[in-house]
Protein backbone atom coordinates (compact mmCIF):
# COMPACT_ATOMS: atom_id res chain seq x y z
CA MET A 1 -86.07 68.99 156.65
CA GLU A 2 -84.10 71.26 153.81
CA ARG A 3 -80.20 70.21 153.62
CA PHE A 4 -77.77 72.58 152.86
CA VAL A 5 -74.08 71.87 150.86
CA SER A 6 -71.41 73.53 149.92
CA ILE A 7 -69.90 72.67 146.84
CA GLU A 8 -67.21 73.79 144.74
CA THR A 9 -65.94 71.30 142.33
CA TYR A 10 -67.92 68.90 140.17
CA GLU A 11 -65.85 66.10 141.83
CA GLN A 12 -67.28 67.57 145.00
CA TRP A 13 -70.77 67.51 143.85
CA ARG A 14 -70.49 64.46 142.28
CA THR A 15 -69.63 62.88 146.16
CA GLU A 16 -72.32 64.51 147.70
CA ALA A 17 -75.02 63.72 145.35
CA ARG A 18 -74.35 59.98 145.34
CA ARG A 19 -74.46 60.17 149.42
CA LEU A 20 -77.80 62.45 149.05
CA LEU A 21 -79.35 59.76 146.85
CA GLY A 22 -78.31 56.97 148.95
CA ALA A 23 -80.39 58.81 151.78
CA GLY A 24 -83.42 59.32 149.36
CA ILE A 25 -82.97 62.97 149.88
CA ALA A 26 -85.08 64.64 146.97
CA PRO A 27 -83.81 67.69 145.02
CA SER A 28 -86.81 69.87 146.73
CA ASP A 29 -84.97 69.16 150.27
CA VAL A 30 -81.80 70.12 149.49
CA HIS A 31 -79.83 73.64 148.74
CA PHE A 32 -76.32 73.58 147.13
CA SER A 33 -74.50 76.72 147.81
CA THR A 34 -70.56 77.98 147.05
CA LEU A 35 -68.25 78.87 149.71
CA ASP A 36 -68.74 82.45 149.22
CA GLU A 37 -72.44 82.07 150.27
CA GLN A 38 -74.21 81.74 153.54
CA PRO A 39 -76.50 79.43 154.72
CA THR A 40 -79.93 80.68 156.14
CA LEU A 41 -81.03 80.93 159.79
CA PHE A 42 -83.28 78.28 158.99
CA ALA A 43 -81.48 75.81 156.86
CA ASP A 44 -80.64 72.57 158.31
CA THR A 45 -76.85 72.19 157.87
CA GLU A 46 -76.93 68.32 159.10
CA SER A 47 -74.17 66.65 156.83
CA VAL A 48 -75.22 63.87 154.92
CA SER A 49 -71.28 62.77 154.54
CA LYS A 50 -71.59 59.58 156.68
CA THR A 51 -74.72 58.44 154.56
CA ALA A 52 -73.58 55.51 152.34
CA ARG A 53 -73.36 56.33 148.54
CA ALA A 54 -75.95 55.36 145.92
CA ASN A 55 -74.87 53.08 143.77
CA VAL A 56 -76.75 53.96 140.62
CA THR A 57 -76.06 54.05 136.92
CA VAL A 58 -76.74 56.68 134.67
CA PRO A 59 -75.58 57.72 131.20
CA LYS A 60 -72.59 58.74 130.24
CA SER A 61 -73.82 61.74 128.32
CA PHE A 62 -75.15 62.93 131.46
CA LEU A 63 -71.63 62.88 133.17
CA GLU A 64 -70.06 64.51 130.08
CA ILE A 65 -72.71 67.49 130.23
CA ALA A 66 -72.38 67.64 134.09
CA GLN A 67 -68.33 68.16 133.73
CA THR A 68 -68.86 70.79 131.57
CA VAL A 69 -72.13 72.73 133.17
CA ALA A 70 -70.55 72.39 136.55
CA CYS A 71 -68.10 75.38 135.18
CA HIS A 72 -71.14 77.61 134.36
CA GLN A 73 -71.52 80.47 136.89
CA SER A 74 -75.17 80.00 137.48
CA PRO A 75 -75.83 79.65 141.18
CA VAL A 76 -78.26 77.07 140.27
CA ARG A 77 -76.41 74.98 138.36
CA TRP A 78 -75.53 72.26 141.61
CA GLU A 79 -79.33 72.36 142.02
CA LEU A 80 -80.32 71.73 138.36
CA LEU A 81 -77.56 68.66 138.07
CA TYR A 82 -79.06 67.11 141.23
CA ARG A 83 -82.54 67.13 140.00
CA THR A 84 -81.64 66.06 136.64
CA LEU A 85 -79.99 63.09 138.24
CA TRP A 86 -82.80 62.54 140.51
CA ARG A 87 -84.88 61.95 137.44
CA LEU A 88 -83.05 59.91 135.63
CA THR A 89 -82.45 57.70 138.71
CA HIS A 90 -86.51 57.84 139.50
CA ASN A 91 -88.20 56.20 136.40
CA GLU A 92 -87.09 58.77 133.82
CA PRO A 93 -83.98 56.98 132.36
CA ALA A 94 -84.54 58.52 128.71
CA LEU A 95 -85.00 62.06 130.33
CA LEU A 96 -81.79 63.45 128.17
CA GLN A 97 -83.29 62.50 125.25
CA MET A 98 -86.45 64.67 126.12
CA VAL A 99 -84.88 67.98 124.58
CA THR A 100 -88.33 69.92 125.12
CA ASP A 101 -87.95 69.68 128.83
CA ASP A 102 -86.93 72.69 130.92
CA ASP A 103 -84.35 70.75 132.88
CA VAL A 104 -82.66 69.16 129.73
CA HIS A 105 -83.22 72.40 127.81
CA GLU A 106 -81.37 74.43 130.62
CA LEU A 107 -78.58 72.04 130.77
CA HIS A 108 -78.13 71.97 127.15
CA GLN A 109 -77.81 75.79 127.22
CA MET A 110 -75.49 75.67 130.01
CA LYS A 111 -73.20 73.19 128.05
CA LYS A 112 -73.19 75.44 125.06
CA ALA A 113 -72.30 78.98 127.06
CA VAL A 114 -69.25 77.16 128.98
CA THR A 115 -68.23 75.44 125.55
CA ARG A 116 -68.29 78.34 123.83
CA ASP A 117 -66.33 80.19 126.18
CA VAL A 118 -63.76 77.53 125.87
CA HIS A 119 -63.59 78.35 122.62
CA LYS A 120 -62.96 81.96 123.17
CA MET A 121 -60.38 81.72 125.77
CA LYS A 122 -58.21 79.54 123.10
CA ALA A 123 -58.72 82.11 120.44
CA PHE A 124 -58.25 85.46 122.77
CA VAL A 125 -55.39 84.54 125.36
CA ARG A 126 -52.12 86.02 124.15
CA PHE A 127 -49.03 85.00 126.12
CA ARG A 128 -46.56 88.07 127.25
CA ARG A 129 -42.87 87.31 127.86
CA VAL A 130 -41.77 88.06 131.66
CA ALA A 131 -38.54 89.90 131.01
CA SER A 132 -37.52 89.61 135.13
CA ALA A 133 -37.85 86.16 134.98
CA LEU A 134 -34.53 83.51 135.71
CA GLU A 135 -35.63 81.25 133.12
CA GLU A 136 -37.82 82.48 130.37
CA THR A 137 -41.60 82.70 131.30
CA TYR A 138 -44.33 83.96 129.91
CA VAL A 139 -47.84 84.93 131.41
CA ALA A 140 -51.37 85.55 129.89
CA TRP A 141 -54.43 87.17 131.87
CA HIS A 142 -57.79 86.69 130.48
CA ARG A 143 -61.58 87.49 131.35
CA PRO A 144 -63.85 84.28 131.04
CA ASP A 145 -67.49 84.20 131.88
CA HIS A 146 -67.23 80.85 133.67
CA ARG A 147 -65.17 78.99 135.68
CA ILE A 148 -63.48 77.46 132.30
CA VAL A 149 -59.86 77.43 133.10
CA SER A 150 -59.44 73.57 134.08
CA LEU A 151 -61.71 72.90 130.35
CA ALA A 152 -58.98 75.03 128.71
CA ALA A 153 -55.68 74.43 130.28
CA PRO A 154 -54.76 71.04 128.83
CA PHE A 155 -55.26 72.64 125.39
CA PHE A 156 -52.47 75.16 125.88
CA ALA A 157 -50.33 72.50 127.74
CA ARG A 158 -50.36 70.62 124.50
CA ARG A 159 -50.28 73.61 122.39
CA PHE A 160 -47.15 75.11 124.47
CA LYS A 161 -45.91 72.41 125.52
CA ALA A 162 -42.27 73.60 125.72
CA MET A 163 -42.93 76.73 127.44
CA ASN A 164 -43.27 77.63 131.01
CA TRP A 165 -46.46 79.94 131.29
CA SER A 166 -49.04 81.01 133.34
CA ILE A 167 -52.68 81.90 132.59
CA PHE A 168 -54.64 84.17 135.14
CA THR A 169 -58.36 84.94 135.20
CA PRO A 170 -60.12 86.79 138.03
CA ILE A 171 -61.61 83.70 139.32
CA GLU A 172 -58.94 81.28 139.11
CA SER A 173 -55.69 80.48 137.40
CA VAL A 174 -53.14 77.72 135.90
CA VAL A 175 -49.29 77.55 135.94
CA TRP A 176 -47.58 74.72 133.55
CA ASP A 177 -43.94 74.16 134.23
CA GLN A 178 -43.52 71.90 130.96
CA GLN A 179 -44.54 69.14 133.19
CA THR A 180 -47.54 69.45 135.21
CA LEU A 181 -50.43 71.78 135.41
CA ARG A 182 -51.12 73.41 138.77
CA TYR A 183 -54.26 75.23 139.52
CA GLY A 184 -54.76 78.41 141.99
CA ALA A 185 -56.75 81.05 143.05
CA GLY A 186 -57.55 84.20 140.65
CA VAL A 187 -55.55 87.57 140.45
CA PRO A 188 -56.55 90.91 139.06
CA ALA A 189 -55.32 92.10 135.46
CA SER A 190 -53.31 94.84 137.59
CA GLU A 191 -51.26 92.38 139.00
CA VAL A 192 -49.67 90.62 135.48
CA SER A 193 -47.21 92.49 133.79
CA ASP A 194 -47.84 94.17 130.51
CA GLU A 195 -44.20 94.24 129.43
CA ASP A 196 -43.39 91.85 126.14
CA SER A 197 -40.61 92.38 123.79
CA LEU A 198 -42.14 90.25 121.03
CA GLU A 199 -45.67 92.52 121.05
CA SER A 200 -44.29 95.28 118.63
CA LEU A 201 -43.41 92.18 116.35
CA TRP A 202 -46.72 90.73 116.49
CA LYS A 203 -48.23 93.94 116.07
CA THR A 204 -46.54 94.42 112.74
CA TYR A 205 -47.06 90.80 111.92
CA TYR A 206 -51.03 91.29 112.35
CA ALA A 207 -50.94 94.45 110.60
CA SER A 208 -49.31 92.65 107.35
CA ILE A 209 -52.12 89.65 107.57
CA PHE A 210 -55.02 91.89 108.26
CA ASN A 211 -57.01 91.85 104.91
CA PRO A 212 -59.25 95.24 104.68
CA ALA A 213 -61.36 93.84 101.79
CA ARG A 214 -62.83 90.99 104.20
CA VAL A 215 -63.64 93.01 107.12
CA LYS A 216 -67.03 92.65 108.73
CA VAL A 217 -66.90 94.88 111.68
CA ALA A 218 -70.39 93.38 113.46
CA MET A 219 -69.17 89.92 112.80
CA MET A 220 -65.87 91.00 114.28
CA LYS A 221 -67.28 92.40 117.49
CA ARG A 222 -69.57 89.20 117.63
CA GLU A 223 -66.93 87.05 117.48
CA MET A 224 -64.39 88.66 119.46
CA PRO A 225 -66.26 90.70 122.00
CA VAL A 226 -65.06 94.08 122.72
CA ARG A 227 -64.32 93.29 126.61
CA HIS A 228 -61.69 90.83 125.33
CA TRP A 229 -59.54 93.51 123.19
CA GLN A 230 -57.61 94.88 126.66
CA THR A 231 -55.95 91.66 126.78
CA LEU A 232 -55.26 91.57 122.90
CA PRO A 233 -51.91 93.01 121.82
CA GLU A 234 -53.54 93.57 118.17
CA ALA A 235 -56.48 95.30 119.58
CA SER A 236 -55.04 98.21 120.14
CA ILE A 237 -54.49 98.93 116.04
CA ILE A 238 -57.66 97.38 115.23
CA GLN A 239 -59.50 100.58 114.90
CA ASP A 240 -56.58 102.32 112.81
CA LEU A 241 -56.73 99.45 110.57
CA LEU A 242 -60.31 99.66 110.17
CA ASP A 243 -60.14 103.33 109.82
CA ASP A 244 -57.28 102.59 106.87
CA ALA A 245 -59.33 99.66 105.36
CA PRO A 246 -61.38 101.63 102.34
CA GLN A 247 -58.00 103.15 101.00
CA ARG A 248 -56.14 99.85 101.55
CA VAL A 249 -58.53 98.27 99.38
CA ALA A 250 -58.59 100.85 96.83
CA ASP A 251 -54.36 100.62 97.08
CA MET A 252 -55.19 96.74 96.77
CA ILE A 253 -56.96 97.31 93.21
CA GLU A 254 -54.64 99.73 91.94
CA ARG A 255 -51.82 97.64 92.29
CA ASN A 256 -53.91 94.87 90.75
CA GLU A 257 -53.88 92.61 93.89
CA GLY A 258 -57.60 92.93 93.43
CA PHE A 259 -59.46 92.99 90.67
CA ALA A 260 -58.42 96.27 88.64
CA ASP A 261 -60.32 95.82 85.41
CA THR A 262 -64.29 95.24 85.74
CA ALA A 263 -66.90 95.52 83.48
CA THR A 264 -67.80 99.00 84.13
CA LYS A 265 -65.95 100.88 81.18
CA PHE A 266 -67.94 98.67 78.77
CA LEU A 267 -71.51 99.55 79.87
CA PRO A 268 -73.65 101.75 77.66
CA PRO A 269 -74.54 105.12 79.00
CA GLN A 270 -78.08 104.38 80.23
CA PRO A 271 -78.37 100.63 80.15
CA ASP A 272 -81.46 98.69 79.39
CA LEU A 273 -81.72 95.25 78.76
CA ASP A 274 -81.72 95.68 75.06
CA SER A 275 -78.56 98.04 75.18
CA LEU A 276 -76.80 95.71 77.80
CA ALA A 277 -77.24 92.77 75.16
CA SER A 278 -75.86 94.59 72.51
CA ALA A 279 -72.54 95.78 74.26
CA VAL A 280 -71.97 92.62 76.18
CA ASN A 281 -70.14 90.81 73.36
CA CYS A 282 -67.85 93.78 73.46
CA CYS A 283 -66.78 93.40 76.93
CA GLU A 284 -62.96 92.45 77.53
CA ALA A 285 -62.48 93.03 81.51
CA CYS A 286 -61.29 89.65 81.96
CA ASP A 287 -59.52 86.67 79.78
CA LEU A 288 -62.43 84.56 79.26
CA HIS A 289 -63.79 86.43 76.16
CA GLN A 290 -60.46 85.47 74.31
CA PHE A 291 -61.42 81.76 74.24
CA ALA A 292 -65.45 81.59 74.47
CA THR A 293 -67.55 81.83 71.37
CA GLN A 294 -69.45 84.38 72.25
CA ALA A 295 -70.95 86.35 75.39
CA VAL A 296 -73.98 84.98 76.41
CA PHE A 297 -76.33 87.36 78.00
CA GLY A 298 -79.80 86.96 80.15
CA GLU A 299 -83.00 86.08 78.50
CA GLY A 300 -86.88 86.61 79.68
CA PRO A 301 -89.17 89.75 79.90
CA ARG A 302 -88.04 93.11 81.41
CA ASP A 303 -90.65 93.09 83.82
CA ALA A 304 -90.07 89.36 84.93
CA LYS A 305 -91.46 88.74 88.36
CA ILE A 306 -88.61 86.24 89.04
CA VAL A 307 -85.23 86.39 88.15
CA LEU A 308 -82.89 83.14 87.91
CA VAL A 309 -78.88 83.43 88.11
CA GLY A 310 -76.46 80.82 87.49
CA GLU A 311 -72.66 80.69 87.45
CA GLN A 312 -71.93 80.90 83.74
CA PRO A 313 -72.95 79.47 80.39
CA GLY A 314 -71.78 76.16 79.37
CA ASP A 315 -70.48 74.53 76.10
CA ARG A 316 -74.05 74.07 74.39
CA GLU A 317 -74.97 77.48 75.49
CA ASP A 318 -71.72 79.16 74.60
CA ILE A 319 -72.43 77.99 70.81
CA ALA A 320 -75.99 78.77 70.99
CA GLY A 321 -75.61 82.38 72.77
CA LYS A 322 -78.31 81.47 74.95
CA PRO A 323 -78.66 80.56 78.88
CA PHE A 324 -79.53 77.25 80.10
CA VAL A 325 -80.23 75.31 76.70
CA GLY A 326 -78.06 72.63 77.54
CA PRO A 327 -78.83 69.80 79.81
CA ALA A 328 -79.31 71.67 83.02
CA GLY A 329 -81.74 73.93 81.22
CA GLU A 330 -83.45 71.02 80.22
CA LEU A 331 -83.80 69.59 84.07
CA LEU A 332 -84.87 73.60 84.59
CA ASP A 333 -87.84 73.26 81.73
CA ARG A 334 -89.10 70.18 83.44
CA ALA A 335 -89.10 71.68 87.18
CA PHE A 336 -90.92 74.49 85.29
CA ALA A 337 -93.42 71.91 83.72
CA GLU A 338 -94.21 70.52 87.38
CA LEU A 339 -95.03 73.96 88.44
CA GLU A 340 -96.86 75.25 85.13
CA ILE A 341 -94.51 77.86 85.04
CA GLY A 342 -93.78 79.49 81.88
CA ARG A 343 -90.09 79.80 80.78
CA ASP A 344 -91.05 83.03 79.19
CA GLU A 345 -92.37 84.45 82.39
CA VAL A 346 -88.83 84.20 84.25
CA TYR A 347 -85.64 86.14 83.44
CA ILE A 348 -82.27 83.69 83.41
CA THR A 349 -79.09 84.81 83.31
CA ASN A 350 -75.44 83.79 84.83
CA VAL A 351 -73.04 85.54 86.96
CA VAL A 352 -70.32 85.44 84.91
CA LYS A 353 -71.26 85.98 80.83
CA HIS A 354 -68.59 83.76 78.92
CA PHE A 355 -67.91 80.22 79.19
CA LYS A 356 -64.59 79.14 81.10
CA PHE A 357 -63.61 75.70 79.99
CA THR A 358 -60.57 73.36 79.86
CA GLN A 359 -59.87 71.51 76.54
CA ARG A 360 -59.73 67.82 76.92
CA GLY A 361 -59.31 66.15 73.09
CA LYS A 362 -62.48 67.68 71.77
CA ARG A 363 -64.68 68.39 74.45
CA ARG A 364 -64.66 71.29 76.51
CA LEU A 365 -65.03 70.74 80.19
CA HIS A 366 -66.46 73.10 82.71
CA LYS A 367 -64.25 75.29 85.01
CA LYS A 368 -65.55 77.09 87.73
CA PRO A 369 -64.70 81.10 87.40
CA ASN A 370 -62.46 82.55 90.04
CA SER A 371 -63.32 85.31 92.32
CA ARG A 372 -61.30 87.79 89.73
CA GLU A 373 -63.55 86.94 86.90
CA ILE A 374 -66.57 86.82 88.71
CA TYR A 375 -65.98 90.42 90.08
CA ALA A 376 -64.87 91.75 86.58
CA CYS A 377 -68.07 90.59 85.24
CA ARG A 378 -70.53 91.59 88.08
CA PRO A 379 -71.60 94.84 86.58
CA TRP A 380 -73.18 93.16 84.00
CA LEU A 381 -75.65 91.30 86.61
CA GLU A 382 -75.79 94.42 88.47
CA ALA A 383 -76.84 96.29 85.68
CA GLU A 384 -79.32 93.56 84.80
CA LEU A 385 -80.94 93.45 87.94
CA ALA A 386 -81.64 97.21 88.58
CA ALA A 387 -83.18 97.28 84.97
CA ILE A 388 -85.91 94.50 86.09
CA GLN A 389 -86.13 94.90 89.75
CA PRO A 390 -87.27 91.44 90.21
CA HIS A 391 -89.93 90.63 93.15
CA THR A 392 -88.14 87.10 93.60
CA LEU A 393 -84.17 86.43 93.16
CA VAL A 394 -83.04 82.41 92.73
CA CYS A 395 -79.34 82.06 92.92
CA LEU A 396 -78.83 78.36 91.33
CA GLY A 397 -75.72 77.35 92.93
CA ALA A 398 -72.80 78.07 95.71
CA THR A 399 -71.23 80.97 93.06
CA PRO A 400 -74.09 83.38 92.91
CA ALA A 401 -75.10 82.84 96.15
CA GLN A 402 -72.19 83.55 97.20
CA ALA A 403 -71.58 86.69 95.06
CA LEU A 404 -75.37 88.31 95.79
CA ILE A 405 -75.73 87.02 99.45
CA GLY A 406 -72.35 86.88 101.11
CA ARG A 407 -68.86 85.01 100.60
CA ASP A 408 -69.82 82.98 103.80
CA PHE A 409 -73.08 81.50 102.05
CA ARG A 410 -73.41 77.45 102.26
CA ILE A 411 -75.87 75.98 99.72
CA THR A 412 -76.01 73.22 102.10
CA ALA A 413 -76.84 75.04 105.36
CA SER A 414 -79.21 77.88 103.90
CA ARG A 415 -80.65 76.48 100.76
CA GLY A 416 -84.46 77.46 100.29
CA VAL A 417 -84.47 80.23 103.18
CA VAL A 418 -85.69 83.59 101.76
CA GLN A 419 -83.57 86.32 102.78
CA ALA A 420 -83.75 90.35 101.91
CA THR A 421 -80.29 91.40 99.98
CA GLU A 422 -79.27 94.43 98.74
CA TRP A 423 -80.31 93.36 95.08
CA CYS A 424 -84.04 92.20 96.27
CA GLN A 425 -86.05 91.70 99.50
CA ARG A 426 -86.96 87.93 98.45
CA THR A 427 -83.58 86.42 97.57
CA ILE A 428 -83.43 82.65 97.71
CA ALA A 429 -80.86 80.14 96.80
CA THR A 430 -81.10 76.52 95.58
CA TRP A 431 -79.23 73.75 93.64
CA HIS A 432 -77.56 74.45 90.43
CA PRO A 433 -79.24 71.90 88.32
CA ALA A 434 -75.71 71.07 86.83
CA ALA A 435 -75.07 69.64 90.65
CA ILE A 436 -78.50 67.64 90.76
CA LEU A 437 -77.22 65.89 87.23
CA ARG A 438 -73.91 65.19 88.62
CA MET A 439 -75.22 63.27 91.57
CA PRO A 440 -74.52 59.64 91.15
CA ASP A 441 -76.67 58.11 93.39
CA ALA A 442 -80.42 58.07 92.12
CA ALA A 443 -82.52 58.65 95.14
CA ARG A 444 -80.33 61.56 96.28
CA LYS A 445 -80.59 62.70 92.59
CA GLU A 446 -84.27 62.78 92.80
CA GLN A 447 -84.41 64.09 96.35
CA MET A 448 -82.43 67.03 95.62
CA PHE A 449 -84.91 67.58 92.29
CA GLN A 450 -87.57 67.57 94.49
CA GLU A 451 -86.01 70.02 96.95
CA PHE A 452 -85.13 72.21 93.55
CA VAL A 453 -88.87 72.42 92.59
CA GLY A 454 -89.99 73.15 96.03
CA ASP A 455 -87.94 75.98 96.39
CA LEU A 456 -88.75 77.47 92.92
CA ALA A 457 -92.46 77.11 93.97
CA LYS A 458 -91.40 78.99 97.30
CA ALA A 459 -90.00 81.50 94.99
CA ASN A 460 -93.21 81.61 92.61
CA ALA A 461 -95.62 82.31 95.34
CA GLN A 462 -96.78 85.78 94.97
């Protein structure tokens, strides 16, 4: 016979679940609901509250997941939790380790959704000072997807410990009096005052730190959904800031806050590889030309199917005037040999054409180029890629990957992934040979080399 149990909180569910287990009631025989649901005419509402509680042991990880999933808005969460609990206590103790199980997968998806919602609440809540209050008080209104106020409130109590504040949502609310968190019912946005004497000051500050050169509208809207904008004071000026972004970037460049000089004016009128190679030694777009022996241009066939892009020439390359002829080049040749790729079949170049170094006695030690130098030298690389139009583009290390794929690219996270870019439909990033050589652990060094060879093999696949 079906049991009908009304549940509102995790604590209530935990108590009722233990009693249901004690009574031996299977998941198929119980229906959980919240107070706003009505039992069906044929449901048995007999209480199990007098049944002895089951004395069971479940993994601590399940209790942690359950506390989070209980905040999800899905009406099936209580049944899902009880069904999982039943299975854990009925001959499936390792259930949570089966990530492909439907119930376990759904639990983790719910947990992820709640956790993400908590993160967004921490990011998007903006307090407004209530001018009419007898003592300084702040209020905020937020629209979460789930019942997460109890999960997020302790964070605000720690962060704003010396403030009196309240956070209201359509579902629930919380009040902090500098000592205790008190929870209550939700309220509509219309009941929360929109007065804030600090709001204009915050907008001025936000506008001053807004960096138009780093704006990615799609990513911004993904991380800060438009539905939250009405609760953010700065949201009212975001569109104006976006509209002004192109001009602000241009102004930054003119003021030399960005990168005023680039190599564009040193490029030949109708650039091909030969004219580019001849012109590059005249480049004075950044200060590196003052210290390097010479510019090191790319090398390889003009119809190369594969272009490899490194960071910059090293000491040996600076002297020889050719890319990848030092220790890193020797390791690259070793990888080519394993794959039976001739070095004369590929085009090899660098993002920056002059060697940047720090002098230590008689030694010149590699120093990573900064963003200004990379930006200044970028036209040379763009002209090379435009002339060759490779089938596959390989970025050797983080510097070329971030220059060609995007600033947020991380080798450790996306190495070996083939993706389309502005420069080539098949762009892939892998370890820089120098990074492999610097690895002190022999086993890890060999592993990185094999990964490097595998990525080059993927690039060479036609």
